[in-house]
Amino acid sequence: MVLEPIDRDIWMVDGSIVSFYGLPYPTRAVIVRLPDGGLWVWSPVALTDPLRAALQDRGPVTHLVSPNALHHLWLADWTAAWPQATLWGPQSLIRKRPDLTFAPALEDAPPPAWADIIDQVWLRASPLLDEIVFFHRPSRTALITDYSQAFTESFLEAHWKPWQRWLIRLARMTEGHGRAPLELRLTTLNRRRARDSIRRVLDWNPERVVRAHGTCPMRDGRADLERAFAWVL
């Protein structure tokens, strides 16, 4: 099955493996059906024919959401497939992709298009990367992209070299830990601002956490994120 149900009107789909500075990364998208019937797509992955068919069975794609300046590889393919869809992202991404037409930049307040069921927090920790963290209220699912990564041992054994696996374990970016990359942690200078943002995420009291890279706990989500962000709390 292409789309894996998370709860009612919310699905996730695993995409292809991409190379990031020579390291293989898994990818994942989330699709939410909004109250108006349109589909909201978080962190679009490679658009395959089976995925396109699965989406067409569930409704029109109306919103394409890239949470940060790194998750943009397939936006052009998605906008070509659904030219009527509105494209969203933070200002850092809008500056990076002047070839694409975006709606006003995402910040802390959710746009009216999804404010009834999806909350968001603008996480500005490291100057290297800002990110919009989302929360689907009906399913109590938090969506996080690069500030929490939790690679499984099976993925690391299959795709990473031994010395790379050693480094990622040392950085605690593995299942059960879910830390941010070390370069983001070390360059988080305004820790109070970062802490305030993470506390807002924890205040959602998420039951589930879906990561773009790594494991997705379907219970005890708040505890999972408390462990992941212990470095800043």
C-alpha atoms as a PDB file:
ATOM      1  CA  MET A   1       0.000   0.000   0.000  1.00  0.00           C
ATOM      2  CA  VAL A   2       1.418   3.389  -1.012  1.00  0.00           C
ATOM      3  CA  LEU A   3      -0.293   5.474   1.668  1.00  0.00           C
ATOM      4  CA  GLU A   4      -0.096   4.199   5.244  1.00  0.00           C
ATOM      5  CA  PRO A   5      -2.979   5.393   7.436  1.00  0.00           C
ATOM      6  CA  ILE A   6      -2.029   7.170  10.651  1.00  0.00           C
ATOM      7  CA  ASP A   7      -5.571   7.998  11.705  1.00  0.00           C
ATOM      8  CA  ARG A   8      -8.695   9.249  10.018  1.00  0.00           C
ATOM      9  CA  ASP A   9      -7.868  11.604   7.116  1.00  0.00           C
ATOM     10  CA  ILE A  10      -4.105  11.485   7.672  1.00  0.00           C
ATOM     11  CA  TRP A  11      -1.591   9.222   5.921  1.00  0.00           C
ATOM     12  CA  MET A  12       2.163   8.924   5.534  1.00  0.00           C
ATOM     13  CA  VAL A  13       4.190   7.667   2.608  1.00  0.00           C
ATOM     14  CA  ASP A  14       7.847   6.677   2.465  1.00  0.00           C
ATOM     15  CA  GLY A  15       9.759   8.110  -0.463  1.00  0.00           C
ATOM     16  CA  SER A  16      13.062   7.354  -2.103  1.00  0.00           C
ATOM     17  CA  ILE A  17      16.475   7.473  -0.456  1.00  0.00           C
ATOM     18  CA  VAL A  18      18.383  10.692  -1.120  1.00  0.00           C
ATOM     19  CA  SER A  19      22.027  11.624  -0.651  1.00  0.00           C
ATOM     20  CA  PHE A  20      22.773  14.473   1.752  1.00  0.00           C
ATOM     21  CA  TYR A  21      26.480  15.343   1.814  1.00  0.00           C
ATOM     22  CA  GLY A  22      27.152  11.790   0.701  1.00  0.00           C
ATOM     23  CA  LEU A  23      24.982  10.193   3.398  1.00  0.00           C
ATOM     24  CA  PRO A  24      21.893   8.152   2.427  1.00  0.00           C
ATOM     25  CA  TYR A  25      18.702   9.560   3.965  1.00  0.00           C
ATOM     26  CA  PRO A  26      15.201   8.069   3.966  1.00  0.00           C
ATOM     27  CA  THR A  27      12.371  10.441   3.092  1.00  0.00           C
ATOM     28  CA  ARG A  28       8.750  10.607   4.181  1.00  0.00           C
ATOM     29  CA  ALA A  29       5.699  12.737   3.407  1.00  0.00           C
ATOM     30  CA  VAL A  30       2.392  13.186   5.220  1.00  0.00           C
ATOM     31  CA  ILE A  31      -0.970  13.828   3.581  1.00  0.00           C
ATOM     32  CA  VAL A  32      -3.903  15.347   5.461  1.00  0.00           C
ATOM     33  CA  ARG A  33      -7.429  15.686   4.128  1.00  0.00           C
ATOM     34  CA  LEU A  34      -8.683  19.111   5.163  1.00  0.00           C
ATOM     35  CA  PRO A  35     -12.323  19.784   6.122  1.00  0.00           C
ATOM     36  CA  ASP A  36     -12.974  21.201   2.628  1.00  0.00           C
ATOM     37  CA  GLY A  37     -11.848  17.923   1.051  1.00  0.00           C
ATOM     38  CA  GLY A  38      -8.543  19.209  -0.285  1.00  0.00           C
ATOM     39  CA  LEU A  39      -5.265  17.428   0.420  1.00  0.00           C
ATOM     40  CA  TRP A  40      -2.478  19.096   2.402  1.00  0.00           C
ATOM     41  CA  VAL A  41       0.916  17.557   1.617  1.00  0.00           C
ATOM     42  CA  TRP A  42       3.809  17.935   4.076  1.00  0.00           C
ATOM     43  CA  SER A  43       7.389  17.487   2.845  1.00  0.00           C
ATOM     44  CA  PRO A  44       6.555  16.139  -0.633  1.00  0.00           C
ATOM     45  CA  VAL A  45       8.632  13.109  -1.639  1.00  0.00           C
ATOM     46  CA  ALA A  46       9.437  11.838  -5.130  1.00  0.00           C
ATOM     47  CA  LEU A  47       6.181  11.742  -7.088  1.00  0.00           C
ATOM     48  CA  THR A  48       5.674   8.240  -8.474  1.00  0.00           C
ATOM     49  CA  ASP A  49       2.776   6.980 -10.583  1.00  0.00           C
ATOM     50  CA  PRO A  50       1.387   4.804  -7.729  1.00  0.00           C
ATOM     51  CA  LEU A  51       1.538   7.755  -5.338  1.00  0.00           C
ATOM     52  CA  ARG A  52      -0.179  10.039  -7.827  1.00  0.00           C
ATOM     53  CA  ALA A  53      -2.959   7.482  -8.316  1.00  0.00           C
ATOM     54  CA  ALA A  54      -3.410   7.012  -4.557  1.00  0.00           C
ATOM     55  CA  LEU A  55      -3.769  10.755  -4.061  1.00  0.00           C
ATOM     56  CA  GLN A  56      -6.265  11.131  -6.884  1.00  0.00           C
ATOM     57  CA  ASP A  57      -8.460   8.576  -5.123  1.00  0.00           C
ATOM     58  CA  ARG A  58      -8.541  10.728  -1.980  1.00  0.00           C
ATOM     59  CA  GLY A  59      -9.109  14.245  -3.228  1.00  0.00           C
ATOM     60  CA  PRO A  60      -7.506  17.178  -5.006  1.00  0.00           C
ATOM     61  CA  VAL A  61      -4.068  18.299  -3.827  1.00  0.00           C
ATOM     62  CA  THR A  62      -4.590  21.901  -2.721  1.00  0.00           C
ATOM     63  CA  HIS A  63      -1.588  22.707  -0.484  1.00  0.00           C
ATOM     64  CA  LEU A  64       2.076  21.731  -0.837  1.00  0.00           C
ATOM     65  CA  VAL A  65       4.050  22.456   2.329  1.00  0.00           C
ATOM     66  CA  SER A  66       7.839  22.392   2.612  1.00  0.00           C
ATOM     67  CA  PRO A  67       8.828  22.800   6.280  1.00  0.00           C
ATOM     68  CA  ASN A  68      12.350  24.113   5.693  1.00  0.00           C
ATOM     69  CA  ALA A  69      14.902  25.111   3.072  1.00  0.00           C
ATOM     70  CA  LEU A  70      16.197  21.557   2.598  1.00  0.00           C
ATOM     71  CA  HIS A  71      12.972  19.797   1.658  1.00  0.00           C
ATOM     72  CA  HIS A  72      12.428  21.216  -1.799  1.00  0.00           C
ATOM     73  CA  LEU A  73      13.786  18.607  -4.227  1.00  0.00           C
ATOM     74  CA  TRP A  74      10.466  17.550  -5.758  1.00  0.00           C
ATOM     75  CA  LEU A  75       8.369  20.694  -5.361  1.00  0.00           C
ATOM     76  CA  ALA A  76       8.565  21.509  -9.068  1.00  0.00           C
ATOM     77  CA  ASP A  77       7.247  18.038  -9.973  1.00  0.00           C
ATOM     78  CA  TRP A  78       4.319  18.398  -7.594  1.00  0.00           C
ATOM     79  CA  THR A  79       3.411  21.896  -8.752  1.00  0.00           C
ATOM     80  CA  ALA A  80       3.511  20.681 -12.355  1.00  0.00           C
ATOM     81  CA  ALA A  81       1.164  17.814 -11.475  1.00  0.00           C
ATOM     82  CA  TRP A  82      -1.208  20.053  -9.448  1.00  0.00           C
ATOM     83  CA  PRO A  83      -0.762  23.606 -10.765  1.00  0.00           C
ATOM     84  CA  GLN A  84      -3.786  24.788  -8.780  1.00  0.00           C
ATOM     85  CA  ALA A  85      -2.132  23.843  -5.461  1.00  0.00           C
ATOM     86  CA  THR A  86      -0.767  26.592  -3.218  1.00  0.00           C
ATOM     87  CA  LEU A  87       2.925  26.257  -2.379  1.00  0.00           C
ATOM     88  CA  TRP A  88       4.045  27.101   1.164  1.00  0.00           C
ATOM     89  CA  GLY A  89       7.364  27.363   2.988  1.00  0.00           C
ATOM     90  CA  PRO A  90       9.426  29.551   5.329  1.00  0.00           C
ATOM     91  CA  GLN A  91      11.167  32.650   4.019  1.00  0.00           C
ATOM     92  CA  SER A  92      14.501  30.802   3.907  1.00  0.00           C
ATOM     93  CA  LEU A  93      13.082  28.409   1.314  1.00  0.00           C
ATOM     94  CA  ILE A  94      11.345  31.137  -0.668  1.00  0.00           C
ATOM     95  CA  ARG A  95      14.696  32.900  -1.061  1.00  0.00           C
ATOM     96  CA  LYS A  96      16.337  29.633  -2.111  1.00  0.00           C
ATOM     97  CA  ARG A  97      13.794  28.788  -4.820  1.00  0.00           C
ATOM     98  CA  PRO A  98      12.982  31.983  -6.739  1.00  0.00           C
ATOM     99  CA  ASP A  99      11.865  29.776  -9.645  1.00  0.00           C
ATOM    100  CA  LEU A 100       8.775  28.719  -7.687  1.00  0.00           C
ATOM    101  CA  THR A 101       5.750  30.803  -6.705  1.00  0.00           C
ATOM    102  CA  PHE A 102       5.001  30.652  -2.991  1.00  0.00           C
ATOM    103  CA  ALA A 103       2.238  31.974  -0.770  1.00  0.00           C
ATOM    104  CA  PRO A 104       3.327  34.359   2.015  1.00  0.00           C
ATOM    105  CA  ALA A 105       6.078  32.854   4.168  1.00  0.00           C
ATOM    106  CA  LEU A 106       5.081  30.486   6.966  1.00  0.00           C
ATOM    107  CA  GLU A 107       5.815  31.606  10.512  1.00  0.00           C
ATOM    108  CA  ASP A 108       4.157  30.852  13.866  1.00  0.00           C
ATOM    109  CA  ALA A 109       0.516  31.460  12.979  1.00  0.00           C
ATOM    110  CA  PRO A 110      -1.144  28.841  10.763  1.00  0.00           C
ATOM    111  CA  PRO A 111      -2.861  30.209   7.648  1.00  0.00           C
ATOM    112  CA  PRO A 112      -6.680  30.167   7.671  1.00  0.00           C
ATOM    113  CA  ALA A 113      -6.572  27.381   5.063  1.00  0.00           C
ATOM    114  CA  TRP A 114      -5.658  24.832   7.749  1.00  0.00           C
ATOM    115  CA  ALA A 115      -5.854  26.649  11.091  1.00  0.00           C
ATOM    116  CA  ASP A 116      -8.976  24.699  12.102  1.00  0.00           C
ATOM    117  CA  ILE A 117      -7.115  21.388  12.365  1.00  0.00           C
ATOM    118  CA  ILE A 118      -3.347  22.021  12.067  1.00  0.00           C
ATOM    119  CA  ASP A 119      -1.175  24.086  14.416  1.00  0.00           C
ATOM    120  CA  GLN A 120       2.409  25.130  13.769  1.00  0.00           C
ATOM    121  CA  VAL A 121       5.501  26.487  15.506  1.00  0.00           C
ATOM    122  CA  TRP A 122       8.323  28.321  13.768  1.00  0.00           C
ATOM    123  CA  LEU A 123      11.437  26.693  15.212  1.00  0.00           C
ATOM    124  CA  ARG A 124      14.371  29.096  14.968  1.00  0.00           C
ATOM    125  CA  ALA A 125      17.224  27.398  16.775  1.00  0.00           C
ATOM    126  CA  SER A 126      20.373  27.267  14.652  1.00  0.00           C
ATOM    127  CA  PRO A 127      21.008  30.030  12.087  1.00  0.00           C
ATOM    128  CA  LEU A 128      21.868  27.199   9.700  1.00  0.00           C
ATOM    129  CA  LEU A 129      18.253  26.052   9.462  1.00  0.00           C
ATOM    130  CA  ASP A 130      14.819  27.146  10.574  1.00  0.00           C
ATOM    131  CA  GLU A 131      11.844  24.828  10.383  1.00  0.00           C
ATOM    132  CA  ILE A 132       8.084  24.837  10.752  1.00  0.00           C
ATOM    133  CA  VAL A 133       6.895  22.074  13.097  1.00  0.00           C
ATOM    134  CA  PHE A 134       3.263  21.049  12.590  1.00  0.00           C
ATOM    135  CA  PHE A 135       0.600  19.382  14.713  1.00  0.00           C
ATOM    136  CA  HIS A 136      -2.502  17.656  13.352  1.00  0.00           C
ATOM    137  CA  ARG A 137      -4.936  18.155  16.196  1.00  0.00           C
ATOM    138  CA  PRO A 138      -7.560  15.466  15.391  1.00  0.00           C
ATOM    139  CA  SER A 139      -4.944  12.680  15.451  1.00  0.00           C
ATOM    140  CA  ARG A 140      -2.562  14.411  17.902  1.00  0.00           C
ATOM    141  CA  THR A 141       0.304  13.919  15.462  1.00  0.00           C
ATOM    142  CA  ALA A 142       3.418  16.124  15.477  1.00  0.00           C
ATOM    143  CA  LEU A 143       5.320  16.442  12.198  1.00  0.00           C
ATOM    144  CA  ILE A 144       9.033  17.190  12.422  1.00  0.00           C
ATOM    145  CA  THR A 145      11.539  17.310   9.626  1.00  0.00           C
ATOM    146  CA  ASP A 146      15.235  17.781  10.438  1.00  0.00           C
ATOM    147  CA  TYR A 147      15.413  18.851  14.085  1.00  0.00           C
ATOM    148  CA  SER A 148      14.694  15.291  15.221  1.00  0.00           C
ATOM    149  CA  GLN A 149      16.150  12.342  13.317  1.00  0.00           C
ATOM    150  CA  ALA A 150      15.930   8.732  14.501  1.00  0.00           C
ATOM    151  CA  PHE A 151      17.525   6.296  12.086  1.00  0.00           C
ATOM    152  CA  THR A 152      16.799   2.612  12.596  1.00  0.00           C
ATOM    153  CA  GLU A 153      19.656   0.152  12.984  1.00  0.00           C
ATOM    154  CA  SER A 154      18.371  -1.805   9.995  1.00  0.00           C
ATOM    155  CA  PHE A 155      18.566   1.282   7.759  1.00  0.00           C
ATOM    156  CA  LEU A 156      22.047   2.167   8.982  1.00  0.00           C
ATOM    157  CA  GLU A 157      23.322  -1.382   8.495  1.00  0.00           C
ATOM    158  CA  ALA A 158      21.905  -1.482   4.976  1.00  0.00           C
ATOM    159  CA  HIS A 159      23.023   1.936   3.747  1.00  0.00           C
ATOM    160  CA  TRP A 160      25.770   3.496   5.894  1.00  0.00           C
ATOM    161  CA  LYS A 161      29.441   2.623   6.214  1.00  0.00           C
ATOM    162  CA  PRO A 162      30.702   1.426   9.626  1.00  0.00           C
ATOM    163  CA  TRP A 163      32.443   4.706  10.464  1.00  0.00           C
ATOM    164  CA  GLN A 164      29.310   6.650   9.477  1.00  0.00           C
ATOM    165  CA  ARG A 165      27.173   4.457  11.706  1.00  0.00           C
ATOM    166  CA  TRP A 166      29.564   5.083  14.580  1.00  0.00           C
ATOM    167  CA  LEU A 167      29.264   8.851  14.142  1.00  0.00           C
ATOM    168  CA  ILE A 168      25.472   8.869  13.909  1.00  0.00           C
ATOM    169  CA  ARG A 169      25.202   6.761  17.054  1.00  0.00           C
ATOM    170  CA  LEU A 170      27.589   9.085  18.845  1.00  0.00           C
ATOM    171  CA  ALA A 171      25.371  12.009  17.832  1.00  0.00           C
ATOM    172  CA  ARG A 172      22.343  10.080  19.210  1.00  0.00           C
ATOM    173  CA  MET A 173      20.416  10.464  15.954  1.00  0.00           C
ATOM    174  CA  THR A 174      19.130   6.914  16.213  1.00  0.00           C
ATOM    175  CA  GLU A 175      15.958   5.126  17.257  1.00  0.00           C
ATOM    176  CA  GLY A 176      15.082   5.891  20.860  1.00  0.00           C
ATOM    177  CA  HIS A 177      17.077   9.138  20.902  1.00  0.00           C
ATOM    178  CA  GLY A 178      16.040  11.237  17.896  1.00  0.00           C
ATOM    179  CA  ARG A 179      18.428  14.143  18.370  1.00  0.00           C
ATOM    180  CA  ALA A 180      19.008  16.967  15.913  1.00  0.00           C
ATOM    181  CA  PRO A 181      22.217  16.879  13.857  1.00  0.00           C
ATOM    182  CA  LEU A 182      25.228  17.959  15.869  1.00  0.00           C
ATOM    183  CA  GLU A 183      25.885  21.021  13.717  1.00  0.00           C
ATOM    184  CA  LEU A 184      22.400  22.344  14.490  1.00  0.00           C
ATOM    185  CA  ARG A 185      22.814  21.781  18.213  1.00  0.00           C
ATOM    186  CA  LEU A 186      26.253  23.377  18.383  1.00  0.00           C
ATOM    187  CA  THR A 187      25.115  26.476  16.497  1.00  0.00           C
ATOM    188  CA  THR A 188      21.939  27.068  18.521  1.00  0.00           C
ATOM    189  CA  LEU A 189      23.051  30.297  20.177  1.00  0.00           C
ATOM    190  CA  ASN A 190      19.681  31.690  21.253  1.00  0.00           C
ATOM    191  CA  ARG A 191      18.788  28.720  23.421  1.00  0.00           C
ATOM    192  CA  ARG A 192      15.984  30.552  25.201  1.00  0.00           C
ATOM    193  CA  ARG A 193      14.146  31.135  21.924  1.00  0.00           C
ATOM    194  CA  ALA A 194      14.698  27.528  20.875  1.00  0.00           C
ATOM    195  CA  ARG A 195      13.531  26.269  24.280  1.00  0.00           C
ATOM    196  CA  ASP A 196      10.383  28.378  24.140  1.00  0.00           C
ATOM    197  CA  SER A 197       9.528  26.959  20.713  1.00  0.00           C
ATOM    198  CA  ILE A 198      10.065  23.368  21.820  1.00  0.00           C
ATOM    199  CA  ARG A 199       7.952  23.912  24.923  1.00  0.00           C
ATOM    200  CA  ARG A 200       5.120  25.080  22.692  1.00  0.00           C
ATOM    201  CA  VAL A 201       5.476  21.855  20.707  1.00  0.00           C
ATOM    202  CA  LEU A 202       5.393  19.811  23.920  1.00  0.00           C
ATOM    203  CA  ASP A 203       2.330  21.741  25.083  1.00  0.00           C
ATOM    204  CA  TRP A 204       0.461  20.149  22.194  1.00  0.00           C
ATOM    205  CA  ASN A 205       0.877  16.865  24.104  1.00  0.00           C
ATOM    206  CA  PRO A 206       1.302  14.824  20.919  1.00  0.00           C
ATOM    207  CA  GLU A 207       0.426  11.149  20.974  1.00  0.00           C
ATOM    208  CA  ARG A 208       2.198  10.440  17.678  1.00  0.00           C
ATOM    209  CA  VAL A 209       5.366  11.776  16.072  1.00  0.00           C
ATOM    210  CA  VAL A 210       6.052  11.473  12.356  1.00  0.00           C
ATOM    211  CA  ARG A 211       9.603  12.234  11.283  1.00  0.00           C
ATOM    212  CA  ALA A 212      10.818  12.810   7.760  1.00  0.00           C
ATOM    213  CA  HIS A 213      13.921  10.817   8.680  1.00  0.00           C
ATOM    214  CA  GLY A 214      13.552   7.862  10.989  1.00  0.00           C
ATOM    215  CA  THR A 215      11.135   6.188  13.346  1.00  0.00           C
ATOM    216  CA  CYS A 216       7.572   7.341  13.923  1.00  0.00           C
ATOM    217  CA  PRO A 217       6.215   6.428  17.367  1.00  0.00           C
ATOM    218  CA  MET A 218       2.447   6.054  17.374  1.00  0.00           C
ATOM    219  CA  ARG A 219       2.153   6.428  21.161  1.00  0.00           C
ATOM    220  CA  ASP A 220       3.864   8.431  23.922  1.00  0.00           C
ATOM    221  CA  GLY A 221       4.836  11.105  21.419  1.00  0.00           C
ATOM    222  CA  ARG A 222       5.427  13.809  23.998  1.00  0.00           C
ATOM    223  CA  ALA A 223       7.914  11.623  25.892  1.00  0.00           C
ATOM    224  CA  ASP A 224       9.660  10.828  22.622  1.00  0.00           C
ATOM    225  CA  LEU A 225      10.126  14.531  21.856  1.00  0.00           C
ATOM    226  CA  GLU A 226      11.233  15.305  25.405  1.00  0.00           C
ATOM    227  CA  ARG A 227      14.077  12.825  24.917  1.00  0.00           C
ATOM    228  CA  ALA A 228      14.875  14.194  21.480  1.00  0.00           C
ATOM    229  CA  PHE A 229      15.102  17.795  22.690  1.00  0.00           C
ATOM    230  CA  ALA A 230      16.692  17.192  26.088  1.00  0.00           C
ATOM    231  CA  TRP A 231      19.763  19.026  24.756  1.00  0.00           C
ATOM    232  CA  VAL A 232      17.880  22.337  24.769  1.00  0.00           C
ATOM    233  CA  LEU A 233      15.197  21.922  27.450  1.00  0.00           C
END
